Amino acid sequence: MTLFVRDLSKEEGNRLLRIARKGSNPVEVRRALLILASAQKMKVPEISQLYHISGEHIRKTIHRFNTEGMASLKPNYGGGRPPTFTEEQRADIIELAQIPPKVLGYPFTHWSLAKLKEAAEKKKIVPSISIETIRVILEEAKITYQNTKTWKESTDPEFESKKNESKPYTTVLRKTGG
């Protein structure tokens, strides 16, 4: 038995044409083209060859259009992977980020993402977490973090007096004639 799309109303036909010609969503455009081809009494194998799409996908698209109408053109995304960390773990990470590191006995004044990751794992809030996930959790909680800047200080007791002195061994370069 050959499968075709149901008879289209004039409005549906015009909307499908508009989507096929000027649509911005490629999934909707491709589905509209498949439906229009079926409405012109093209068989599934012919549509498959024309658009390089599997016959199974074309049949599913036609069946879905026959039952749902124009709504079937919209992509039906699944929503992605479920969250890896519980709300309690996220709340604990947010709370940790708001405690000054010095209070917890760390030798620095601001959290970096890497140090926050280490602390969350050390405190067993989470067994393992990426720096990017920490960034996302803090961003969702509208918490900003500081990129820490470090510098080394001299251990020389005479550093302050020496740092602005002129160097006697600086040589002056002379121009050579030539």
Protein backbone atom coordinates (compact mmCIF):
# COMPACT_ATOMS: atom_id res chain seq x y z
CA MET A 1 0.00 0.00 0.00
CA THR A 2 1.31 3.42 -0.95
CA LEU A 3 1.35 6.13 1.72
CA PHE A 4 0.41 9.71 0.91
CA VAL A 5 -0.31 12.75 3.04
CA ARG A 6 -4.00 13.56 3.57
CA ASP A 7 -5.62 16.19 1.34
CA LEU A 8 -4.32 19.63 2.28
CA SER A 9 -6.50 22.69 2.73
CA LYS A 10 -5.58 25.77 0.71
CA GLU A 11 -4.29 27.51 3.87
CA GLU A 12 -2.13 24.51 4.80
CA GLY A 13 -0.71 24.32 1.28
CA ASN A 14 0.15 28.03 1.30
CA ARG A 15 1.76 27.82 4.76
CA LEU A 16 3.80 24.78 3.71
CA LEU A 17 5.00 26.61 0.59
CA ARG A 18 5.94 29.68 2.64
CA ILE A 19 7.87 27.55 5.14
CA ALA A 20 9.61 25.59 2.35
CA ARG A 21 10.68 28.79 0.56
CA LYS A 22 11.38 31.25 3.37
CA GLY A 23 11.56 29.19 6.56
CA SER A 24 14.49 29.80 8.89
CA ASN A 25 14.35 26.49 10.78
CA PRO A 26 15.95 23.77 8.61
CA VAL A 27 13.98 20.97 10.30
CA GLU A 28 10.66 22.68 9.50
CA VAL A 29 11.77 23.42 5.92
CA ARG A 30 12.76 19.78 5.30
CA ARG A 31 9.50 18.46 6.76
CA ALA A 32 7.45 20.94 4.73
CA LEU A 33 9.22 19.79 1.56
CA LEU A 34 8.47 16.15 2.35
CA ILE A 35 4.79 16.88 2.97
CA LEU A 36 4.51 18.94 -0.22
CA ALA A 37 6.15 16.17 -2.25
CA SER A 38 3.71 13.62 -0.81
CA ALA A 39 0.79 15.97 -1.53
CA GLN A 40 1.89 15.92 -5.21
CA LYS A 41 1.42 12.14 -5.12
CA MET A 42 5.13 11.32 -5.08
CA LYS A 43 5.73 7.89 -3.54
CA VAL A 44 7.97 7.47 -0.50
CA PRO A 45 10.87 5.86 -2.46
CA GLU A 46 10.81 8.75 -4.95
CA ILE A 47 10.85 11.35 -2.15
CA SER A 48 13.63 9.39 -0.45
CA GLN A 49 15.75 9.47 -3.59
CA LEU A 50 15.00 13.15 -4.26
CA TYR A 51 15.87 14.44 -0.76
CA HIS A 52 18.31 11.70 0.36
CA ILE A 53 16.22 10.92 3.44
CA SER A 54 15.32 7.44 4.65
CA GLY A 55 11.92 6.06 3.73
CA GLU A 56 11.24 5.31 7.39
CA HIS A 57 11.74 8.96 8.33
CA ILE A 58 9.48 10.10 5.48
CA ARG A 59 6.72 7.68 6.55
CA LYS A 60 6.94 8.89 10.17
CA THR A 61 6.77 12.51 9.00
CA ILE A 62 3.69 11.83 6.86
CA HIS A 63 1.91 9.88 9.61
CA ARG A 64 2.67 12.60 12.12
CA PHE A 65 1.41 15.32 9.77
CA ASN A 66 -1.78 13.35 9.12
CA THR A 67 -2.54 13.21 12.87
CA GLU A 68 -1.10 16.50 14.20
CA GLY A 69 -1.30 18.82 11.20
CA MET A 70 1.00 21.86 10.98
CA ALA A 71 2.23 21.37 14.56
CA SER A 72 4.08 18.25 13.37
CA LEU A 73 6.59 20.42 11.51
CA LYS A 74 8.06 21.78 14.74
CA PRO A 75 11.06 19.86 16.13
CA ASN A 76 10.23 17.83 19.21
CA TYR A 77 13.42 18.04 21.25
CA GLY A 78 13.83 15.79 24.25
CA GLY A 79 15.31 18.38 26.61
CA GLY A 80 18.82 17.00 26.89
CA ARG A 81 20.59 15.08 29.56
CA PRO A 82 19.09 15.20 33.06
CA PRO A 83 21.05 17.21 35.63
CA THR A 84 23.96 15.29 37.13
CA PHE A 85 23.94 17.07 40.49
CA THR A 86 21.03 17.37 42.91
CA GLU A 87 19.60 20.70 44.00
CA GLU A 88 21.11 20.08 47.43
CA GLN A 89 24.60 19.62 45.96
CA ARG A 90 24.17 22.77 43.87
CA ALA A 91 23.03 24.72 46.93
CA ASP A 92 26.06 23.45 48.90
CA ILE A 93 28.43 24.57 46.12
CA ILE A 94 26.76 28.00 46.00
CA GLU A 95 27.02 28.27 49.79
CA LEU A 96 30.70 27.25 49.69
CA ALA A 97 31.41 29.88 47.04
CA GLN A 98 30.01 32.59 49.32
CA ILE A 99 32.22 31.69 52.30
CA PRO A 100 35.58 33.51 52.26
CA PRO A 101 38.37 30.93 51.81
CA LYS A 102 40.32 32.39 54.78
CA VAL A 103 37.40 31.47 57.10
CA LEU A 104 37.77 27.83 56.02
CA GLY A 105 41.52 27.89 56.62
CA TYR A 106 42.70 28.30 53.03
CA PRO A 107 45.73 30.57 52.40
CA PHE A 108 44.01 32.77 49.80
CA THR A 109 41.38 35.50 49.86
CA HIS A 110 39.23 34.73 46.78
CA TRP A 111 37.93 31.57 45.20
CA SER A 112 39.03 30.62 41.73
CA LEU A 113 36.97 28.03 39.89
CA ALA A 114 39.77 25.46 40.21
CA LYS A 115 40.13 26.05 43.96
CA LEU A 116 36.35 25.92 44.46
CA LYS A 117 36.30 22.59 42.58
CA GLU A 118 39.04 21.19 44.84
CA ALA A 119 37.26 22.39 47.98
CA ALA A 120 33.88 20.93 46.90
CA GLU A 121 35.50 17.58 46.22
CA LYS A 122 37.56 17.68 49.44
CA LYS A 123 34.45 18.48 51.53
CA LYS A 124 32.68 15.58 49.74
CA ILE A 125 29.88 17.81 48.42
CA VAL A 126 30.37 15.99 45.11
CA PRO A 127 32.68 13.10 44.22
CA SER A 128 33.90 14.90 41.09
CA ILE A 129 32.92 18.04 39.19
CA SER A 130 34.33 20.00 36.27
CA ILE A 131 35.36 23.62 36.42
CA GLU A 132 32.84 24.39 33.66
CA THR A 133 30.00 22.90 35.73
CA ILE A 134 31.06 25.05 38.69
CA ARG A 135 30.99 28.07 36.37
CA VAL A 136 27.46 27.20 35.19
CA ILE A 137 26.16 26.64 38.74
CA LEU A 138 27.57 29.99 39.90
CA GLU A 139 26.25 31.75 36.79
CA GLU A 140 22.74 30.38 37.39
CA ALA A 141 22.94 31.65 40.99
CA LYS A 142 24.13 35.06 39.69
CA ILE A 143 27.41 34.75 41.62
CA THR A 144 30.48 36.25 40.03
CA TYR A 145 33.92 34.96 40.75
CA GLN A 146 37.29 36.64 40.47
CA ASN A 147 40.08 35.45 38.25
CA THR A 148 42.86 35.43 40.77
CA LYS A 149 46.06 37.25 39.97
CA THR A 150 49.23 36.19 41.70
CA TRP A 151 52.62 37.76 41.91
CA LYS A 152 55.85 37.04 43.67
CA GLU A 153 57.37 39.33 46.23
CA SER A 154 61.06 39.62 46.91
CA THR A 155 62.49 38.20 50.12
CA ASP A 156 65.36 40.70 49.99
CA PRO A 157 65.11 43.05 53.03
CA GLU A 158 66.63 45.89 50.97
CA PHE A 159 64.24 45.38 48.05
CA GLU A 160 62.35 48.67 48.48
CA SER A 161 65.53 50.78 48.41
CA LYS A 162 67.02 48.85 45.49
CA LYS A 163 64.03 48.67 43.18
CA ASN A 164 64.14 52.29 41.98
CA GLU A 165 67.92 52.70 41.85
CA SER A 166 69.69 53.36 38.60
CA LYS A 167 71.92 50.52 37.48
CA PRO A 168 75.62 51.55 37.25
CA TYR A 169 76.34 48.70 34.86
CA THR A 170 73.98 49.99 32.17
CA THR A 171 75.93 50.61 29.01
CA VAL A 172 75.26 53.33 26.53
CA LEU A 173 75.25 52.14 22.94
CA ARG A 174 77.05 54.35 20.46
CA LYS A 175 76.17 54.74 16.84
CA THR A 176 78.67 53.29 14.49
CA GLY A 177 79.57 55.15 11.37
CA GLY A 178 78.98 53.39 8.26
